[in-house]
Amino acid sequence: RVARIVDARDVDGADKLVELTLDIGIETRTVLAGIKGAYAPETLIGRYTVMVANLAPRKMRFGTSNGMVLAAGPGGSELFVLSPDEGATPGMRVK
């Protein structure tokens, strides 16, 4: 689904994780994403992205993640969060 990043913050004690609050139209979800090496959390707020919303919640060491944000690249500072074109709105299904 298309999601708008409502809030983003560092996860205390985690080297790679950022906690994202995502608006997916019908609800908001919290997702823990391993993108800290590539993005400062404050630069993500308001941005649109693509997430996998049909995953079971996953309990992790630092909390529960309710989905997955899609990104490309080898990792670390070379990681690129996918973004939809203009006109996409939160909650739209990706086909």
PDB file of N, CA and C in Angstrom:
ATOM      1  N   ARG A   1       0.827  -1.193   0.000  1.00  0.00           N
ATOM      2  CA  ARG A   1       0.000   0.000   0.000  1.00  0.00           C
ATOM      3  C   ARG A   1       0.865   1.248   0.000  1.00  0.00           C
ATOM      4  N   VAL A   2       0.268   2.327  -0.488  1.00  0.00           N
ATOM      5  CA  VAL A   2       0.916   3.628  -0.405  1.00  0.00           C
ATOM      6  C   VAL A   2       0.726   4.142   1.022  1.00  0.00           C
ATOM      7  N   ALA A   3       1.791   4.684   1.596  1.00  0.00           N
ATOM      8  CA  ALA A   3       1.739   5.179   2.970  1.00  0.00           C
ATOM      9  C   ALA A   3       2.399   6.551   3.053  1.00  0.00           C
ATOM     10  N   ARG A   4       1.862   7.397   3.943  1.00  0.00           N
ATOM     11  CA  ARG A   4       2.489   8.688   4.229  1.00  0.00           C
ATOM     12  C   ARG A   4       3.148   8.576   5.587  1.00  0.00           C
ATOM     13  N   ILE A   5       4.404   8.983   5.677  1.00  0.00           N
ATOM     14  CA  ILE A   5       5.139   8.920   6.938  1.00  0.00           C
ATOM     15  C   ILE A   5       4.712  10.100   7.796  1.00  0.00           C
ATOM     16  N   VAL A   6       3.988   9.806   8.867  1.00  0.00           N
ATOM     17  CA  VAL A   6       3.452  10.813   9.775  1.00  0.00           C
ATOM     18  C   VAL A   6       4.490  11.208  10.819  1.00  0.00           C
ATOM     19  N   ASP A   7       5.262  10.229  11.280  1.00  0.00           N
ATOM     20  CA  ASP A   7       6.278  10.482  12.288  1.00  0.00           C
ATOM     21  C   ASP A   7       7.423   9.507  12.083  1.00  0.00           C
ATOM     22  N   ALA A   8       8.626   9.928  12.448  1.00  0.00           N
ATOM     23  CA  ALA A   8       9.809   9.071  12.360  1.00  0.00           C
ATOM     24  C   ALA A   8      10.744   9.452  13.500  1.00  0.00           C
ATOM     25  N   ARG A   9      11.278   8.436  14.174  1.00  0.00           N
ATOM     26  CA  ARG A   9      12.213   8.717  15.272  1.00  0.00           C
ATOM     27  C   ARG A   9      13.181   7.544  15.430  1.00  0.00           C
ATOM     28  N   ASP A  10      14.347   7.875  15.982  1.00  0.00           N
ATOM     29  CA  ASP A  10      15.343   6.848  16.280  1.00  0.00           C
ATOM     30  C   ASP A  10      14.793   5.887  17.316  1.00  0.00           C
ATOM     31  N   VAL A  11      15.226   4.642  17.241  1.00  0.00           N
ATOM     32  CA  VAL A  11      14.872   3.636  18.241  1.00  0.00           C
ATOM     33  C   VAL A  11      16.042   3.573  19.224  1.00  0.00           C
ATOM     34  N   ASP A  12      15.769   3.890  20.490  1.00  0.00           N
ATOM     35  CA  ASP A  12      16.819   3.880  21.516  1.00  0.00           C
ATOM     36  C   ASP A  12      17.486   2.514  21.599  1.00  0.00           C
ATOM     37  N   GLY A  13      18.811   2.514  21.528  1.00  0.00           N
ATOM     38  CA  GLY A  13      19.579   1.283  21.658  1.00  0.00           C
ATOM     39  C   GLY A  13      19.774   0.506  20.371  1.00  0.00           C
ATOM     40  N   ALA A  14      19.124   0.900  19.305  1.00  0.00           N
ATOM     41  CA  ALA A  14      19.240   0.186  18.029  1.00  0.00           C
ATOM     42  C   ALA A  14      20.206   0.920  17.102  1.00  0.00           C
ATOM     43  N   ASP A  15      21.074   0.174  16.446  1.00  0.00           N
ATOM     44  CA  ASP A  15      22.050   0.768  15.533  1.00  0.00           C
ATOM     45  C   ASP A  15      21.465   1.123  14.178  1.00  0.00           C
ATOM     46  N   LYS A  16      20.471   0.361  13.717  1.00  0.00           N
ATOM     47  CA  LYS A  16      19.971   0.517  12.349  1.00  0.00           C
ATOM     48  C   LYS A  16      18.507   0.904  12.243  1.00  0.00           C
ATOM     49  N   LEU A  17      17.751   0.824  13.333  1.00  0.00           N
ATOM     50  CA  LEU A  17      16.298   0.961  13.241  1.00  0.00           C
ATOM     51  C   LEU A  17      15.784   2.388  13.414  1.00  0.00           C
ATOM     52  N   VAL A  18      14.762   2.692  12.609  1.00  0.00           N
ATOM     53  CA  VAL A  18      13.980   3.914  12.737  1.00  0.00           C
ATOM     54  C   VAL A  18      12.529   3.474  12.932  1.00  0.00           C
ATOM     55  N   GLU A  19      11.833   4.071  13.899  1.00  0.00           N
ATOM     56  CA  GLU A  19      10.417   3.770  14.110  1.00  0.00           C
ATOM     57  C   GLU A  19       9.592   4.740  13.287  1.00  0.00           C
ATOM     58  N   LEU A  20       8.793   4.215  12.375  1.00  0.00           N
ATOM     59  CA  LEU A  20       7.956   5.022  11.494  1.00  0.00           C
ATOM     60  C   LEU A  20       6.495   4.851  11.869  1.00  0.00           C
ATOM     61  N   THR A  21       5.762   5.945  11.881  1.00  0.00           N
ATOM     62  CA  THR A  21       4.315   5.898  12.003  1.00  0.00           C
ATOM     63  C   THR A  21       3.773   6.212  10.619  1.00  0.00           C
ATOM     64  N   LEU A  22       3.042   5.259  10.048  1.00  0.00           N
ATOM     65  CA  LEU A  22       2.576   5.364   8.668  1.00  0.00           C
ATOM     66  C   LEU A  22       1.060   5.481   8.592  1.00  0.00           C
ATOM     67  N   ASP A  23       0.587   6.438   7.802  1.00  0.00           N
ATOM     68  CA  ASP A  23      -0.835   6.586   7.506  1.00  0.00           C
ATOM     69  C   ASP A  23      -1.107   5.797   6.241  1.00  0.00           C
ATOM     70  N   ILE A  24      -1.941   4.747   6.350  1.00  0.00           N
ATOM     71  CA  ILE A  24      -2.277   3.956   5.164  1.00  0.00           C
ATOM     72  C   ILE A  24      -3.758   4.102   4.807  1.00  0.00           C
ATOM     73  N   GLY A  25      -4.290   5.280   5.057  1.00  0.00           N
ATOM     74  CA  GLY A  25      -5.661   5.594   4.672  1.00  0.00           C
ATOM     75  C   GLY A  25      -6.692   5.194   5.699  1.00  0.00           C
ATOM     76  N   ILE A  26      -6.810   3.911   5.964  1.00  0.00           N
ATOM     77  CA  ILE A  26      -7.842   3.425   6.879  1.00  0.00           C
ATOM     78  C   ILE A  26      -7.360   3.324   8.316  1.00  0.00           C
ATOM     79  N   GLU A  27      -6.056   3.404   8.529  1.00  0.00           N
ATOM     80  CA  GLU A  27      -5.463   3.294   9.861  1.00  0.00           C
ATOM     81  C   GLU A  27      -4.025   3.795   9.826  1.00  0.00           C
ATOM     82  N   THR A  28      -3.420   3.884  11.012  1.00  0.00           N
ATOM     83  CA  THR A  28      -1.992   4.163  11.081  1.00  0.00           C
ATOM     84  C   THR A  28      -1.292   2.918  11.603  1.00  0.00           C
ATOM     85  N   ARG A  29      -0.071   2.719  11.146  1.00  0.00           N
ATOM     86  CA  ARG A  29       0.710   1.557  11.551  1.00  0.00           C
ATOM     87  C   ARG A  29       2.082   2.002  12.011  1.00  0.00           C
ATOM     88  N   THR A  30       2.654   1.253  12.932  1.00  0.00           N
ATOM     89  CA  THR A  30       4.027   1.466  13.365  1.00  0.00           C
ATOM     90  C   THR A  30       4.898   0.408  12.705  1.00  0.00           C
ATOM     91  N   VAL A  31       5.961   0.864  12.053  1.00  0.00           N
ATOM     92  CA  VAL A  31       6.880  -0.031  11.362  1.00  0.00           C
ATOM     93  C   VAL A  31       8.293   0.283  11.837  1.00  0.00           C
ATOM     94  N   LEU A  32       9.045  -0.751  12.171  1.00  0.00           N
ATOM     95  CA  LEU A  32      10.460  -0.601  12.499  1.00  0.00           C
ATOM     96  C   LEU A  32      11.248  -0.924  11.234  1.00  0.00           C
ATOM     97  N   ALA A  33      11.991   0.059  10.726  1.00  0.00           N
ATOM     98  CA  ALA A  33      12.721  -0.097   9.465  1.00  0.00           C
ATOM     99  C   ALA A  33      14.218   0.082   9.687  1.00  0.00           C
ATOM    100  N   GLY A  34      15.009  -0.763   9.081  1.00  0.00           N
ATOM    101  CA  GLY A  34      16.462  -0.712   9.215  1.00  0.00           C
ATOM    102  C   GLY A  34      17.101   0.261   8.233  1.00  0.00           C
ATOM    103  N   ILE A  35      16.699   1.527   8.317  1.00  0.00           N
ATOM    104  CA  ILE A  35      17.156   2.535   7.364  1.00  0.00           C
ATOM    105  C   ILE A  35      17.931   3.680   8.013  1.00  0.00           C
ATOM    106  N   LYS A  36      18.332   3.508   9.256  1.00  0.00           N
ATOM    107  CA  LYS A  36      18.983   4.581  10.010  1.00  0.00           C
ATOM    108  C   LYS A  36      20.293   5.049   9.365  1.00  0.00           C
ATOM    109  N   GLY A  37      21.018   4.162   8.714  1.00  0.00           N
ATOM    110  CA  GLY A  37      22.280   4.527   8.080  1.00  0.00           C
ATOM    111  C   GLY A  37      22.114   5.411   6.861  1.00  0.00           C
ATOM    112  N   ALA A  38      20.921   5.431   6.282  1.00  0.00           N
ATOM    113  CA  ALA A  38      20.689   6.181   5.057  1.00  0.00           C
ATOM    114  C   ALA A  38      19.858   7.440   5.258  1.00  0.00           C
ATOM    115  N   TYR A  39      19.055   7.499   6.330  1.00  0.00           N
ATOM    116  CA  TYR A  39      18.121   8.608   6.512  1.00  0.00           C
ATOM    117  C   TYR A  39      18.113   9.109   7.949  1.00  0.00           C
ATOM    118  N   ALA A  40      18.118  10.423   8.100  1.00  0.00           N
ATOM    119  CA  ALA A  40      17.836  11.026   9.397  1.00  0.00           C
ATOM    120  C   ALA A  40      16.316  11.014   9.543  1.00  0.00           C
ATOM    121  N   PRO A  41      15.792  10.583  10.678  1.00  0.00           N
ATOM    122  CA  PRO A  41      14.336  10.452  10.828  1.00  0.00           C
ATOM    123  C   PRO A  41      13.542  11.702  10.445  1.00  0.00           C
ATOM    124  N   GLU A  42      14.019  12.877  10.821  1.00  0.00           N
ATOM    125  CA  GLU A  42      13.262  14.102  10.544  1.00  0.00           C
ATOM    126  C   GLU A  42      13.104  14.380   9.046  1.00  0.00           C
ATOM    127  N   THR A  43      13.965  13.827   8.210  1.00  0.00           N
ATOM    128  CA  THR A  43      13.850  14.043   6.755  1.00  0.00           C
ATOM    129  C   THR A  43      12.770  13.173   6.127  1.00  0.00           C
ATOM    130  N   LEU A  44      12.268  12.198   6.854  1.00  0.00           N
ATOM    131  CA  LEU A  44      11.267  11.269   6.320  1.00  0.00           C
ATOM    132  C   LEU A  44       9.828  11.728   6.545  1.00  0.00           C
ATOM    133  N   ILE A  45       9.612  12.602   7.526  1.00  0.00           N
ATOM    134  CA  ILE A  45       8.254  13.012   7.881  1.00  0.00           C
ATOM    135  C   ILE A  45       7.600  13.742   6.714  1.00  0.00           C
ATOM    136  N   GLY A  46       6.385  13.293   6.364  1.00  0.00           N
ATOM    137  CA  GLY A  46       5.631  13.871   5.257  1.00  0.00           C
ATOM    138  C   GLY A  46       5.866  13.191   3.926  1.00  0.00           C
ATOM    139  N   ARG A  47       6.852  12.366   3.849  1.00  0.00           N
ATOM    140  CA  ARG A  47       7.189  11.668   2.614  1.00  0.00           C
ATOM    141  C   ARG A  47       6.217  10.501   2.370  1.00  0.00           C
ATOM    142  N   TYR A  48       5.966  10.213   1.105  1.00  0.00           N
ATOM    143  CA  TYR A  48       5.153   9.054   0.737  1.00  0.00           C
ATOM    144  C   TYR A  48       6.076   7.895   0.399  1.00  0.00           C
ATOM    145  N   THR A  49       5.652   6.692   0.751  1.00  0.00           N
ATOM    146  CA  THR A  49       6.439   5.503   0.482  1.00  0.00           C
ATOM    147  C   THR A  49       5.510   4.338   0.174  1.00  0.00           C
ATOM    148  N   VAL A  50       6.090   3.187  -0.058  1.00  0.00           N
ATOM    149  CA  VAL A  50       5.330   1.965  -0.343  1.00  0.00           C
ATOM    150  C   VAL A  50       5.643   0.978   0.773  1.00  0.00           C
ATOM    151  N   MET A  51       4.597   0.369   1.318  1.00  0.00           N
ATOM    152  CA  MET A  51       4.794  -0.603   2.392  1.00  0.00           C
ATOM    153  C   MET A  51       4.047  -1.899   2.100  1.00  0.00           C
ATOM    154  N   VAL A  52       4.533  -2.978   2.690  1.00  0.00           N
ATOM    155  CA  VAL A  52       3.834  -4.264   2.656  1.00  0.00           C
ATOM    156  C   VAL A  52       2.976  -4.289   3.913  1.00  0.00           C
ATOM    157  N   ALA A  53       1.653  -4.269   3.721  1.00  0.00           N
ATOM    158  CA  ALA A  53       0.732  -4.149   4.852  1.00  0.00           C
ATOM    159  C   ALA A  53       0.101  -5.483   5.245  1.00  0.00           C
ATOM    160  N   ASN A  54       0.247  -6.514   4.426  1.00  0.00           N
ATOM    161  CA  ASN A  54      -0.444  -7.767   4.723  1.00  0.00           C
ATOM    162  C   ASN A  54       0.455  -8.794   5.416  1.00  0.00           C
ATOM    163  N   LEU A  55       1.396  -8.308   6.223  1.00  0.00           N
ATOM    164  CA  LEU A  55       2.245  -9.196   7.012  1.00  0.00           C
ATOM    165  C   LEU A  55       1.728  -9.271   8.444  1.00  0.00           C
ATOM    166  N   ALA A  56       1.938 -10.394   9.075  1.00  0.00           N
ATOM    167  CA  ALA A  56       1.589 -10.515  10.493  1.00  0.00           C
ATOM    168  C   ALA A  56       2.526  -9.622  11.302  1.00  0.00           C
ATOM    169  N   PRO A  57       2.042  -9.034  12.396  1.00  0.00           N
ATOM    170  CA  PRO A  57       2.928  -8.228  13.243  1.00  0.00           C
ATOM    171  C   PRO A  57       4.131  -9.056  13.689  1.00  0.00           C
ATOM    172  N   ARG A  58       5.293  -8.421  13.706  1.00  0.00           N
ATOM    173  CA  ARG A  58       6.514  -9.131  14.077  1.00  0.00           C
ATOM    174  C   ARG A  58       7.115  -8.504  15.333  1.00  0.00           C
ATOM    175  N   LYS A  59       7.210  -9.318  16.375  1.00  0.00           N
ATOM    176  CA  LYS A  59       7.824  -8.840  17.612  1.00  0.00           C
ATOM    177  C   LYS A  59       9.334  -8.857  17.430  1.00  0.00           C
ATOM    178  N   MET A  60       9.931  -7.705  17.709  1.00  0.00           N
ATOM    179  CA  MET A  60      11.371  -7.563  17.596  1.00  0.00           C
ATOM    180  C   MET A  60      11.914  -7.147  18.956  1.00  0.00           C
ATOM    181  N   ARG A  61      13.205  -7.106  19.075  1.00  0.00           N
ATOM    182  CA  ARG A  61      13.849  -6.740  20.341  1.00  0.00           C
ATOM    183  C   ARG A  61      13.415  -5.365  20.842  1.00  0.00           C
ATOM    184  N   PHE A  62      13.167  -4.433  19.917  1.00  0.00           N
ATOM    185  CA  PHE A  62      12.867  -3.051  20.285  1.00  0.00           C
ATOM    186  C   PHE A  62      11.390  -2.679  20.153  1.00  0.00           C
ATOM    187  N   GLY A  63      10.526  -3.648  19.863  1.00  0.00           N
ATOM    188  CA  GLY A  63       9.102  -3.377  19.731  1.00  0.00           C
ATOM    189  C   GLY A  63       8.477  -4.274  18.681  1.00  0.00           C
ATOM    190  N   THR A  64       7.263  -3.947  18.293  1.00  0.00           N
ATOM    191  CA  THR A  64       6.543  -4.730  17.282  1.00  0.00           C
ATOM    192  C   THR A  64       6.431  -3.923  16.007  1.00  0.00           C
ATOM    193  N   SER A  65       6.732  -4.570  14.880  1.00  0.00           N
ATOM    194  CA  SER A  65       6.619  -3.936  13.578  1.00  0.00           C
ATOM    195  C   SER A  65       5.378  -4.477  12.880  1.00  0.00           C
ATOM    196  N   ASN A  66       4.550  -3.573  12.361  1.00  0.00           N
ATOM    197  CA  ASN A  66       3.283  -3.942  11.724  1.00  0.00           C
ATOM    198  C   ASN A  66       3.325  -3.712  10.222  1.00  0.00           C
ATOM    199  N   GLY A  67       4.360  -4.213   9.578  1.00  0.00           N
ATOM    200  CA  GLY A  67       4.515  -4.070   8.137  1.00  0.00           C
ATOM    201  C   GLY A  67       5.973  -3.908   7.781  1.00  0.00           C
ATOM    202  N   MET A  68       6.224  -3.597   6.504  1.00  0.00           N
ATOM    203  CA  MET A  68       7.580  -3.441   6.017  1.00  0.00           C
ATOM    204  C   MET A  68       7.600  -2.338   4.957  1.00  0.00           C
ATOM    205  N   VAL A  69       8.544  -1.417   5.085  1.00  0.00           N
ATOM    206  CA  VAL A  69       8.730  -0.371   4.081  1.00  0.00           C
ATOM    207  C   VAL A  69       9.657  -0.923   3.012  1.00  0.00           C
ATOM    208  N   LEU A  70       9.339  -0.668   1.746  1.00  0.00           N
ATOM    209  CA  LEU A  70      10.165  -1.166   0.654  1.00  0.00           C
ATOM    210  C   LEU A  70      11.307  -0.207   0.358  1.00  0.00           C
ATOM    211  N   ALA A  71      12.499  -0.779   0.190  1.00  0.00           N
ATOM    212  CA  ALA A  71      13.689  -0.001  -0.124  1.00  0.00           C
ATOM    213  C   ALA A  71      14.577  -0.839  -1.043  1.00  0.00           C
ATOM    214  N   ALA A  72      15.467  -0.160  -1.757  1.00  0.00           N
ATOM    215  CA  ALA A  72      16.392  -0.833  -2.665  1.00  0.00           C
ATOM    216  C   ALA A  72      17.812  -0.411  -2.326  1.00  0.00           C
ATOM    217  N   GLY A  73      18.762  -1.256  -2.665  1.00  0.00           N
ATOM    218  CA  GLY A  73      20.161  -0.929  -2.469  1.00  0.00           C
ATOM    219  C   GLY A  73      20.862  -1.965  -1.621  1.00  0.00           C
ATOM    220  N   PRO A  74      22.197  -1.869  -1.570  1.00  0.00           N
ATOM    221  CA  PRO A  74      22.983  -2.861  -0.833  1.00  0.00           C
ATOM    222  C   PRO A  74      22.907  -2.717   0.680  1.00  0.00           C
ATOM    223  N   GLY A  75      22.493  -1.567   1.187  1.00  0.00           N
ATOM    224  CA  GLY A  75      22.369  -1.377   2.628  1.00  0.00           C
ATOM    225  C   GLY A  75      23.232  -0.244   3.130  1.00  0.00           C
ATOM    226  N   GLY A  76      23.190  -0.040   4.439  1.00  0.00           N
ATOM    227  CA  GLY A  76      23.956   1.047   5.042  1.00  0.00           C
ATOM    228  C   GLY A  76      23.508   2.396   4.527  1.00  0.00           C
ATOM    229  N   SER A  77      24.457   3.220   4.115  1.00  0.00           N
ATOM    230  CA  SER A  77      24.114   4.549   3.599  1.00  0.00           C
ATOM    231  C   SER A  77      23.609   4.496   2.161  1.00  0.00           C
ATOM    232  N   GLU A  78      23.751   3.346   1.511  1.00  0.00           N
ATOM    233  CA  GLU A  78      23.271   3.178   0.135  1.00  0.00           C
ATOM    234  C   GLU A  78      21.968   2.395   0.127  1.00  0.00           C
ATOM    235  N   LEU A  79      20.959   2.984   0.750  1.00  0.00           N
ATOM    236  CA  LEU A  79      19.631   2.391   0.822  1.00  0.00           C
ATOM    237  C   LEU A  79      18.637   3.456   0.405  1.00  0.00           C
ATOM    238  N   PHE A  80      17.698   3.101  -0.460  1.00  0.00           N
ATOM    239  CA  PHE A  80      16.791   4.073  -1.046  1.00  0.00           C
ATOM    240  C   PHE A  80      15.345   3.622  -0.862  1.00  0.00           C
ATOM    241  N   VAL A  81      14.602   4.358  -0.029  1.00  0.00           N
ATOM    242  CA  VAL A  81      13.199   4.052   0.232  1.00  0.00           C
ATOM    243  C   VAL A  81      12.400   4.349  -1.034  1.00  0.00           C
ATOM    244  N   LEU A  82      11.546   3.415  -1.430  1.00  0.00           N
ATOM    245  CA  LEU A  82      10.748   3.590  -2.641  1.00  0.00           C
ATOM    246  C   LEU A  82       9.627   4.587  -2.394  1.00  0.00           C
ATOM    247  N   SER A  83       9.356   5.408  -3.412  1.00  0.00           N
ATOM    248  CA  SER A  83       8.303   6.417  -3.326  1.00  0.00           C
ATOM    249  C   SER A  83       7.404   6.328  -4.552  1.00  0.00           C
ATOM    250  N   PRO A  84       6.095   6.478  -4.372  1.00  0.00           N
ATOM    251  CA  PRO A  84       5.187   6.469  -5.515  1.00  0.00           C
ATOM    252  C   PRO A  84       5.215   7.821  -6.229  1.00  0.00           C
ATOM    253  N   ASP A  85       4.712   7.858  -7.449  1.00  0.00           N
ATOM    254  CA  ASP A  85       4.586   9.111  -8.198  1.00  0.00           C
ATOM    255  C   ASP A  85       3.551  10.016  -7.544  1.00  0.00           C
ATOM    256  N   GLU A  86       3.611  11.293  -7.910  1.00  0.00           N
ATOM    257  CA  GLU A  86       2.611  12.253  -7.436  1.00  0.00           C
ATOM    258  C   GLU A  86       1.217  11.789  -7.820  1.00  0.00           C
ATOM    259  N   GLY A  87       0.268  12.052  -6.971  1.00  0.00           N
ATOM    260  CA  GLY A  87      -1.107  11.646  -7.226  1.00  0.00           C
ATOM    261  C   GLY A  87      -1.528  10.433  -6.414  1.00  0.00           C
ATOM    262  N   ALA A  88      -0.556   9.655  -5.974  1.00  0.00           N
ATOM    263  CA  ALA A  88      -0.861   8.485  -5.132  1.00  0.00           C
ATOM    264  C   ALA A  88      -1.272   8.995  -3.753  1.00  0.00           C
ATOM    265  N   THR A  89      -2.247   8.338  -3.139  1.00  0.00           N
ATOM    266  CA  THR A  89      -2.729   8.739  -1.828  1.00  0.00           C
ATOM    267  C   THR A  89      -2.607   7.591  -0.845  1.00  0.00           C
ATOM    268  N   PRO A  90      -2.507   7.903   0.452  1.00  0.00           N
ATOM    269  CA  PRO A  90      -2.374   6.835   1.453  1.00  0.00           C
ATOM    270  C   PRO A  90      -3.507   5.824   1.358  1.00  0.00           C
ATOM    271  N   GLY A  91      -3.132   4.562   1.405  1.00  0.00           N
ATOM    272  CA  GLY A  91      -4.096   3.486   1.357  1.00  0.00           C
ATOM    273  C   GLY A  91      -4.248   2.842  -0.016  1.00  0.00           C
ATOM    274  N   MET A  92      -3.800   3.526  -1.062  1.00  0.00           N
ATOM    275  CA  MET A  92      -3.916   2.930  -2.405  1.00  0.00           C
ATOM    276  C   MET A  92      -3.156   1.614  -2.440  1.00  0.00           C
ATOM    277  N   ARG A  93      -3.738   0.632  -3.106  1.00  0.00           N
ATOM    278  CA  ARG A  93      -3.077  -0.663  -3.274  1.00  0.00           C
ATOM    279  C   ARG A  93      -2.042  -0.549  -4.387  1.00  0.00           C
ATOM    280  N   VAL A  94      -0.940  -1.238  -4.206  1.00  0.00           N
ATOM    281  CA  VAL A  94       0.106  -1.305  -5.217  1.00  0.00           C
ATOM    282  C   VAL A  94      -0.160  -2.539  -6.058  1.00  0.00           C
ATOM    283  N   LYS A  95      -0.187  -2.342  -7.362  1.00  0.00           N
ATOM    284  CA  LYS A  95      -0.501  -3.473  -8.269  1.00  0.00           C
ATOM    285  C   LYS A  95       0.636  -3.723  -9.210  1.00  0.00           C
TER     286      LYS A  95
END
